[in-house]
Amino acid sequence: MSDARQRTIIKVFRKFSNSLGPDTLDFLEQILDAHEIEDHDVETSIETLAKEYNKQDGKSFYLFHVSVEVLQRVYEFLQDQGQSEAEVEALDPNSHLYFINAFKMPSWHWSIERGTFEKAANSPTVSGSADSRVFSVRDRLNVIKQCVLRNEHFAPSTVPSRDRDHLVTLRSTEQLLGRAGERFLLLGMLARSKEGTLCLEDADGSVELDFSQLDEPGDGLFTEGCSALVKGEYTDESKLEIIAIGQPPCESRQTARYGCMSIYGHIDFLGKASTSLLDDQELSVCVREELSDLHFFFLSDVWLDNPRTLPGIPKMLNNCVENDFIPKVIVLCGNFTSQSITHGNAWDIQRYQVNFDALADLIASYPAIMCTTHFVFVPGPLDLTMNSTLPR
């Protein structure tokens, strides 16, 4: 291989903070020679390999030094993308469709000391302890904070640059004391103090907010209990005079997988085994190509006590059967009653059960749908559930 080609390969991988050893350089040379890549196409071809390599999860050891084994797997994946449909194994949707039970999935919380997620010792229950509410709010704020600190406006670059002078620094409420007249940027939860005033709480304390100088808030909806970024000037009255308020910056799924899944790739958040970006990408291609006729139906406010609901559902199911348009999943969302069942009498509860029995008989009358379709029921605020605090 010419020196110019080697310099091009090394330059491309350096863009992704990767270093190449002699073995990986030889392997890349073999790939280029096998496919007879011209000199002007070397950079594009190598960049494709480098991008796919950096999508690999759980490779923290190989983050900087490129592994031949991982690079070989990436190369084989790119080759498989060119296979014809006859060469690709048929995809069974049932082997990839899971319904996660919130009370069976593992519980993880953010550890400030270790800077990673840790598995909770206790399993989730319907009725948690008094401390669980406090811990859940604190844990949620910690997760949002570490996500914010990864944002480009908060995370300093490892390479010295002029951008470091424009970085934004987060402060805590305890850093406000004795610093009246200075401006601060805080991340916390909007809440009410004991006196009824609106304040911002974080893990270190709280500060009362003064909105008298705020023209208009940023985009988004701000409610009590939501997390917000607040910029303001601390006053002698121990208040934060708000200059601007906004939502924490969002992080795309792709950015989150690039930024943290190479470190947290071993964490199985759902209890169904984690997958790599490469696996996700390969599976999504197969789904689009092989399962283009796979459909999910969502129905909301399915009032079973409404005289038009039960007669209307067969119209939808008949249309599905006649057109061979059988959905894989049908999600029925509550409320399943037009009036609250929790405050009803015995007759209301009995009628509630009778309506569901009628729905079950209706579904059973369609064997083609009953044998292939998964039905998911989501209760609403007026439905009969274990308690009224669970999200609907």
Protein backbone atom coordinates (compact mmCIF):
# COMPACT_ATOMS: atom_id res chain seq x y z
CA MET A 1 0.00 0.00 0.00
CA SER A 2 1.24 3.45 -0.81
CA ASP A 3 2.09 5.95 1.90
CA ALA A 4 -0.70 8.24 0.66
CA ARG A 5 -3.29 5.50 1.25
CA GLN A 6 -1.96 4.79 4.72
CA ARG A 7 -2.09 8.47 5.63
CA THR A 8 -5.69 8.66 4.40
CA ILE A 9 -6.73 5.63 6.49
CA ILE A 10 -5.03 6.95 9.63
CA LYS A 11 -6.52 10.43 9.10
CA VAL A 12 -10.06 9.07 8.80
CA PHE A 13 -9.86 6.98 11.98
CA ARG A 14 -8.27 9.85 13.88
CA LYS A 15 -11.44 11.87 13.25
CA PHE A 16 -13.21 9.36 15.49
CA SER A 17 -10.42 9.37 18.12
CA ASN A 18 -9.28 5.90 16.99
CA SER A 19 -5.72 4.69 16.58
CA LEU A 20 -4.61 1.92 14.23
CA GLY A 21 -2.02 -0.76 14.83
CA PRO A 22 -0.03 -2.61 12.16
CA ASP A 23 -2.48 -5.54 12.19
CA THR A 24 -5.54 -3.37 11.62
CA LEU A 25 -3.74 -1.39 8.94
CA ASP A 26 -2.89 -4.63 7.12
CA PHE A 27 -6.49 -5.82 7.43
CA LEU A 28 -7.82 -2.58 5.92
CA GLU A 29 -5.26 -2.87 3.13
CA GLN A 30 -6.55 -6.35 2.31
CA ILE A 31 -10.14 -5.07 2.15
CA LEU A 32 -9.21 -2.24 -0.22
CA ASP A 33 -7.22 -4.59 -2.46
CA ALA A 34 -9.94 -7.26 -2.47
CA HIS A 35 -12.53 -4.77 -3.70
CA GLU A 36 -10.08 -2.91 -5.97
CA ILE A 37 -10.85 0.46 -4.40
CA GLU A 38 -9.39 3.37 -6.34
CA ASP A 39 -7.29 6.00 -4.55
CA HIS A 40 -9.97 8.68 -4.84
CA ASP A 41 -12.53 6.35 -3.18
CA VAL A 42 -10.34 5.24 -0.27
CA GLU A 43 -11.41 8.00 2.12
CA THR A 44 -15.14 7.39 1.54
CA SER A 45 -14.80 3.62 1.94
CA ILE A 46 -12.70 3.83 5.10
CA GLU A 47 -15.03 6.43 6.61
CA THR A 48 -17.95 4.01 6.17
CA LEU A 49 -16.01 1.36 8.09
CA ALA A 50 -14.98 3.84 10.79
CA LYS A 51 -18.55 5.06 11.34
CA GLU A 52 -19.88 1.51 11.70
CA TYR A 53 -17.02 0.60 14.01
CA ASN A 54 -17.82 3.46 16.36
CA LYS A 55 -21.44 2.34 16.57
CA GLN A 56 -20.32 -0.79 18.39
CA ASP A 57 -21.47 -0.96 22.03
CA GLY A 58 -19.52 -2.31 24.98
CA LYS A 59 -16.18 -1.55 23.31
CA SER A 60 -14.77 0.84 25.93
CA PHE A 61 -11.45 -1.05 25.92
CA TYR A 62 -11.19 -0.67 22.15
CA LEU A 63 -12.50 2.90 22.09
CA PHE A 64 -9.11 4.31 21.07
CA HIS A 65 -7.18 1.29 19.78
CA VAL A 66 -9.05 -0.36 16.91
CA SER A 67 -9.61 -4.10 17.35
CA VAL A 68 -9.22 -6.38 14.34
CA GLU A 69 -11.94 -8.71 15.67
CA VAL A 70 -14.51 -5.93 15.97
CA LEU A 71 -13.46 -4.47 12.64
CA GLN A 72 -13.93 -7.90 11.05
CA ARG A 73 -17.47 -8.08 12.42
CA VAL A 74 -18.25 -4.62 11.05
CA TYR A 75 -16.90 -5.60 7.64
CA GLU A 76 -19.04 -8.75 7.58
CA PHE A 77 -22.10 -6.70 8.52
CA LEU A 78 -21.52 -4.30 5.62
CA GLN A 79 -21.14 -7.29 3.31
CA ASP A 80 -24.39 -8.81 4.57
CA GLN A 81 -26.23 -5.60 3.67
CA GLY A 82 -25.58 -6.38 0.02
CA GLN A 83 -27.16 -9.84 0.15
CA SER A 84 -30.32 -10.53 -1.78
CA GLU A 85 -33.58 -11.19 0.01
CA ALA A 86 -33.31 -14.90 -0.78
CA GLU A 87 -30.06 -15.09 1.19
CA VAL A 88 -31.46 -13.33 4.27
CA GLU A 89 -33.11 -15.48 6.91
CA ALA A 90 -36.81 -14.80 7.38
CA LEU A 91 -37.54 -12.59 10.37
CA ASP A 92 -40.07 -13.84 12.93
CA PRO A 93 -41.76 -10.81 14.57
CA ASN A 94 -42.88 -12.89 17.56
CA SER A 95 -39.28 -13.46 18.58
CA HIS A 96 -38.67 -9.71 18.77
CA LEU A 97 -41.97 -8.47 20.19
CA TYR A 98 -41.99 -8.09 23.98
CA PHE A 99 -44.43 -6.56 26.42
CA ILE A 100 -42.54 -5.23 29.42
CA ASN A 101 -44.11 -5.53 32.87
CA ALA A 102 -43.12 -2.50 34.95
CA PHE A 103 -43.10 -4.64 38.10
CA LYS A 104 -40.84 -7.32 36.61
CA MET A 105 -38.28 -5.19 34.81
CA PRO A 106 -35.06 -4.45 36.75
CA SER A 107 -34.89 -1.21 38.70
CA TRP A 108 -31.85 1.01 38.16
CA HIS A 109 -30.83 4.22 39.88
CA TRP A 110 -28.06 6.72 39.17
CA SER A 111 -25.09 6.58 41.53
CA ILE A 112 -23.41 9.95 41.98
CA GLU A 113 -20.39 8.34 43.65
CA ARG A 114 -19.70 5.87 40.82
CA GLY A 115 -21.07 7.97 37.97
CA THR A 116 -23.09 5.09 36.53
CA PHE A 117 -26.32 3.18 36.94
CA GLU A 118 -26.65 0.67 39.76
CA LYS A 119 -29.24 -2.04 40.17
CA ALA A 120 -31.63 -1.42 43.05
CA ALA A 121 -31.61 -4.05 45.78
CA ASN A 122 -35.39 -4.13 46.24
CA SER A 123 -37.90 -5.11 43.57
CA PRO A 124 -40.58 -2.59 42.54
CA THR A 125 -43.90 -2.90 44.38
CA VAL A 126 -47.35 -1.39 43.95
CA SER A 127 -47.15 0.39 47.32
CA GLY A 128 -43.66 1.79 47.85
CA SER A 129 -42.14 3.12 51.05
CA ALA A 130 -42.36 6.73 52.16
CA ASP A 131 -38.75 7.30 51.11
CA SER A 132 -39.25 5.88 47.63
CA ARG A 133 -41.01 9.04 46.42
CA VAL A 134 -38.11 11.23 47.54
CA PHE A 135 -35.56 8.87 46.03
CA SER A 136 -37.43 8.71 42.71
CA VAL A 137 -37.49 12.50 42.36
CA ARG A 138 -33.82 12.80 43.33
CA ASP A 139 -32.83 9.99 40.99
CA ARG A 140 -34.76 11.56 38.12
CA LEU A 141 -33.00 14.88 38.65
CA ASN A 142 -29.59 13.14 38.74
CA VAL A 143 -30.28 11.35 35.47
CA ILE A 144 -31.36 14.60 33.79
CA LYS A 145 -28.31 16.41 35.17
CA GLN A 146 -25.77 13.92 33.84
CA CYS A 147 -27.56 14.08 30.48
CA VAL A 148 -27.35 17.90 30.51
CA LEU A 149 -23.65 17.81 31.38
CA ARG A 150 -23.01 15.72 28.25
CA ASN A 151 -24.52 18.46 26.10
CA GLU A 152 -22.07 20.30 23.85
CA HIS A 153 -22.79 23.60 25.63
CA PHE A 154 -21.77 22.17 29.01
CA ALA A 155 -19.13 19.52 28.24
CA PRO A 156 -15.62 20.91 27.64
CA SER A 157 -13.71 19.57 24.66
CA THR A 158 -10.60 17.48 25.31
CA VAL A 159 -8.81 19.58 22.70
CA PRO A 160 -7.99 23.20 23.71
CA SER A 161 -10.10 25.59 21.65
CA ARG A 162 -11.86 28.94 21.78
CA ASP A 163 -15.16 27.15 22.46
CA ARG A 164 -14.07 26.53 26.05
CA ASP A 165 -14.61 30.24 26.78
CA HIS A 166 -18.29 29.96 25.79
CA LEU A 167 -19.15 26.94 27.95
CA VAL A 168 -22.05 27.19 30.38
CA THR A 169 -21.50 26.15 34.00
CA LEU A 170 -24.21 24.69 36.21
CA ARG A 171 -24.34 25.81 39.83
CA SER A 172 -26.18 24.45 42.87
CA THR A 173 -28.36 26.33 45.34
CA GLU A 174 -25.73 26.09 48.09
CA GLN A 175 -23.33 28.12 45.92
CA LEU A 176 -25.70 31.11 46.03
CA LEU A 177 -25.09 31.98 49.68
CA GLY A 178 -23.17 35.22 50.17
CA ARG A 179 -23.02 35.98 46.45
CA ALA A 180 -25.78 38.54 45.98
CA GLY A 181 -25.62 40.46 42.71
CA GLU A 182 -24.12 37.57 40.74
CA ARG A 183 -25.82 35.60 38.00
CA PHE A 184 -26.23 31.83 38.12
CA LEU A 185 -27.58 28.99 36.02
CA LEU A 186 -29.37 26.34 38.05
CA LEU A 187 -30.97 22.99 37.26
CA GLY A 188 -33.72 21.84 39.56
CA MET A 189 -37.36 20.98 40.09
CA LEU A 190 -40.09 23.60 40.26
CA ALA A 191 -41.97 23.27 43.56
CA ARG A 192 -43.88 25.18 46.21
CA SER A 193 -42.25 26.18 49.49
CA LYS A 194 -43.97 25.88 52.88
CA GLU A 195 -45.03 29.51 52.50
CA GLY A 196 -46.66 28.76 49.14
CA THR A 197 -44.10 30.58 46.98
CA LEU A 198 -42.67 29.07 43.83
CA CYS A 199 -39.10 27.87 44.27
CA LEU A 200 -36.44 25.75 42.61
CA GLU A 201 -35.21 22.64 44.43
CA ASP A 202 -32.07 20.63 43.80
CA ALA A 203 -30.13 18.04 45.77
CA ASP A 204 -28.48 20.73 47.95
CA GLY A 205 -31.43 22.95 48.84
CA SER A 206 -33.94 25.39 47.38
CA VAL A 207 -34.22 29.04 46.40
CA GLU A 208 -37.29 31.24 45.99
CA LEU A 209 -37.92 32.47 42.44
CA ASP A 210 -38.85 36.01 41.41
CA PHE A 211 -40.50 36.22 37.97
CA SER A 212 -41.09 39.98 37.98
CA GLN A 213 -38.31 40.70 35.45
CA LEU A 214 -39.05 37.77 33.13
CA ASP A 215 -40.54 38.80 29.78
CA GLU A 216 -41.59 35.34 28.61
CA PRO A 217 -40.40 31.79 29.33
CA GLY A 218 -38.69 29.56 26.81
CA ASP A 219 -40.40 26.95 24.69
CA GLY A 220 -42.24 24.19 26.49
CA LEU A 221 -44.73 23.70 29.30
CA PHE A 222 -43.61 24.47 32.86
CA THR A 223 -45.51 22.91 35.75
CA GLU A 224 -44.84 22.14 39.38
CA GLY A 225 -42.71 19.03 39.59
CA CYS A 226 -40.98 19.52 36.24
CA SER A 227 -37.23 19.98 35.83
CA ALA A 228 -36.07 23.32 34.46
CA LEU A 229 -32.94 25.30 33.70
CA VAL A 230 -33.18 28.70 35.38
CA LYS A 231 -30.87 31.66 34.84
CA GLY A 232 -31.10 34.63 37.15
CA GLU A 233 -29.48 37.09 39.55
CA TYR A 234 -29.30 36.31 43.25
CA THR A 235 -30.64 39.19 45.37
CA ASP A 236 -30.13 40.39 48.94
CA GLU A 237 -33.60 39.02 49.78
CA SER A 238 -32.32 35.47 49.12
CA LYS A 239 -34.34 35.27 45.92
CA LEU A 240 -33.33 34.40 42.38
CA GLU A 241 -34.53 37.10 40.00
CA ILE A 242 -35.32 35.15 36.86
CA ILE A 243 -33.85 36.33 33.57
CA ALA A 244 -34.58 33.21 31.53
CA ILE A 245 -36.13 29.80 32.09
CA GLY A 246 -36.09 26.84 29.74
CA GLN A 247 -36.31 23.09 29.44
CA PRO A 248 -33.20 20.91 29.86
CA PRO A 249 -31.68 20.24 26.42
CA CYS A 250 -32.95 17.09 24.77
CA GLU A 251 -30.63 14.26 23.82
CA SER A 252 -31.42 12.17 20.78
CA ARG A 253 -31.40 8.41 21.03
CA GLN A 254 -28.47 8.20 18.64
CA THR A 255 -26.44 10.66 20.71
CA ALA A 256 -27.31 8.82 23.91
CA ARG A 257 -26.19 5.52 22.42
CA TYR A 258 -22.94 7.03 21.14
CA GLY A 259 -22.28 8.96 24.34
CA CYS A 260 -23.12 6.46 27.05
CA MET A 261 -23.98 3.04 25.66
CA SER A 262 -20.30 2.32 24.97
CA ILE A 263 -19.92 2.72 28.74
CA TYR A 264 -23.32 1.45 29.89
CA GLY A 265 -23.79 -1.11 27.11
CA HIS A 266 -23.73 -3.94 29.64
CA ILE A 267 -26.80 -2.56 31.47
CA ASP A 268 -30.03 -4.38 30.65
CA PHE A 269 -32.60 -1.67 31.40
CA LEU A 270 -35.68 -3.63 30.30
CA GLY A 271 -34.68 -7.12 31.43
CA LYS A 272 -34.76 -8.50 27.88
CA ALA A 273 -31.02 -8.29 27.12
CA SER A 274 -29.44 -5.18 25.61
CA THR A 275 -28.51 -4.87 21.96
CA SER A 276 -25.82 -2.93 20.17
CA LEU A 277 -26.34 -0.15 17.67
CA LEU A 278 -25.17 -2.52 14.96
CA ASP A 279 -27.79 -5.09 15.95
CA ASP A 280 -30.48 -2.40 16.04
CA GLN A 281 -29.52 -1.10 12.63
CA GLU A 282 -29.44 -4.57 11.09
CA LEU A 283 -32.82 -5.45 12.62
CA SER A 284 -34.45 -2.19 11.51
CA VAL A 285 -33.39 -2.85 7.91
CA CYS A 286 -34.92 -6.33 8.05
CA VAL A 287 -38.15 -5.01 9.57
CA ARG A 288 -38.58 -2.38 6.86
CA GLU A 289 -37.88 -4.86 4.07
CA GLU A 290 -39.56 -8.05 5.31
CA LEU A 291 -42.30 -6.79 7.63
CA SER A 292 -43.66 -3.81 5.75
CA ASP A 293 -47.20 -5.13 6.33
CA LEU A 294 -46.80 -5.21 10.14
CA HIS A 295 -49.20 -2.78 11.83
CA PHE A 296 -50.15 -1.57 15.31
CA PHE A 297 -53.60 -0.15 16.09
CA PHE A 298 -54.22 2.34 18.91
CA LEU A 299 -57.73 3.12 20.18
CA SER A 300 -58.34 5.72 22.87
CA ASP A 301 -61.30 6.36 25.21
CA VAL A 302 -62.93 3.00 24.50
CA TRP A 303 -66.10 3.61 26.52
CA LEU A 304 -67.64 0.15 26.75
CA ASP A 305 -70.76 1.57 28.41
CA ASN A 306 -71.43 3.75 25.37
CA PRO A 307 -74.08 2.08 23.15
CA ARG A 308 -72.06 2.88 20.01
CA THR A 309 -68.73 1.36 21.12
CA LEU A 310 -69.31 -2.41 21.08
CA PRO A 311 -71.27 -2.30 17.80
CA GLY A 312 -68.53 -0.14 16.27
CA ILE A 313 -65.59 -2.45 17.03
CA PRO A 314 -66.86 -5.28 14.74
CA LYS A 315 -66.88 -2.81 11.83
CA MET A 316 -63.15 -2.28 12.29
CA LEU A 317 -62.42 -5.99 12.75
CA ASN A 318 -64.54 -7.00 9.75
CA ASN A 319 -62.64 -4.53 7.60
CA CYS A 320 -59.34 -6.04 8.78
CA VAL A 321 -60.44 -9.60 7.97
CA GLU A 322 -61.97 -8.77 4.58
CA ASN A 323 -58.83 -6.91 3.43
CA ASP A 324 -56.41 -9.38 5.04
CA PHE A 325 -55.11 -6.47 7.11
CA ILE A 326 -54.57 -8.20 10.46
CA PRO A 327 -52.69 -5.96 12.94
CA LYS A 328 -49.97 -7.47 15.09
CA VAL A 329 -50.94 -5.39 18.13
CA ILE A 330 -54.15 -3.60 19.11
CA VAL A 331 -53.77 -1.20 22.04
CA LEU A 332 -57.04 -0.28 23.76
CA CYS A 333 -56.66 2.76 25.98
CA GLY A 334 -59.11 3.81 28.70
CA ASN A 335 -61.13 5.17 30.04
CA PHE A 336 -63.26 2.07 29.47
CA THR A 337 -66.21 3.77 31.13
CA SER A 338 -67.71 7.21 30.72
CA GLN A 339 -68.21 7.57 34.49
CA SER A 340 -65.80 6.89 37.34
CA ILE A 341 -66.05 3.28 38.45
CA THR A 342 -64.08 3.83 41.67
CA HIS A 343 -66.97 5.80 43.17
CA GLY A 344 -69.70 3.63 41.70
CA ASN A 345 -72.00 1.13 43.39
CA ALA A 346 -72.23 -2.65 43.03
CA TRP A 347 -74.41 -2.33 39.92
CA ASP A 348 -71.82 -0.11 38.20
CA ILE A 349 -69.04 -2.62 38.89
CA GLN A 350 -71.18 -5.51 37.66
CA ARG A 351 -72.01 -3.64 34.45
CA TYR A 352 -68.29 -2.87 34.06
CA GLN A 353 -67.51 -6.59 34.18
CA VAL A 354 -70.35 -7.46 31.82
CA ASN A 355 -69.04 -4.99 29.25
CA PHE A 356 -65.58 -6.56 29.34
CA ASP A 357 -67.13 -10.03 28.99
CA ALA A 358 -68.98 -8.78 25.93
CA LEU A 359 -65.72 -7.41 24.51
CA ALA A 360 -64.00 -10.76 25.12
CA ASP A 361 -66.80 -12.64 23.33
CA LEU A 362 -66.60 -10.18 20.46
CA ILE A 363 -62.85 -10.72 20.01
CA ALA A 364 -63.26 -14.50 20.29
CA SER A 365 -65.68 -14.42 17.36
CA TYR A 366 -62.77 -13.47 15.08
CA PRO A 367 -60.39 -16.50 15.14
CA ALA A 368 -58.01 -14.99 12.57
CA ILE A 369 -57.48 -11.94 14.78
CA MET A 370 -57.53 -13.75 18.12
CA CYS A 371 -54.78 -16.18 17.05
CA THR A 372 -52.35 -13.59 15.67
CA THR A 373 -53.08 -10.24 17.35
CA HIS A 374 -51.82 -9.14 20.77
CA PHE A 375 -54.30 -7.02 22.74
CA VAL A 376 -52.92 -4.48 25.23
CA PHE A 377 -55.26 -2.73 27.69
CA VAL A 378 -54.21 0.57 29.24
CA PRO A 379 -56.50 1.76 32.09
CA GLY A 380 -57.54 5.37 32.45
CA PRO A 381 -58.17 7.60 35.49
CA LEU A 382 -61.82 6.50 35.72
CA ASP A 383 -61.11 2.76 35.52
CA LEU A 384 -60.85 0.25 38.34
CA THR A 385 -57.15 -0.25 39.17
CA MET A 386 -54.99 -1.08 42.17
CA ASN A 387 -54.57 2.56 43.20
CA SER A 388 -55.01 6.06 41.82
CA THR A 389 -51.33 7.04 41.90
CA LEU A 390 -50.10 4.87 39.05
CA PRO A 391 -49.52 6.64 35.72
CA ARG A 392 -52.19 5.99 33.08
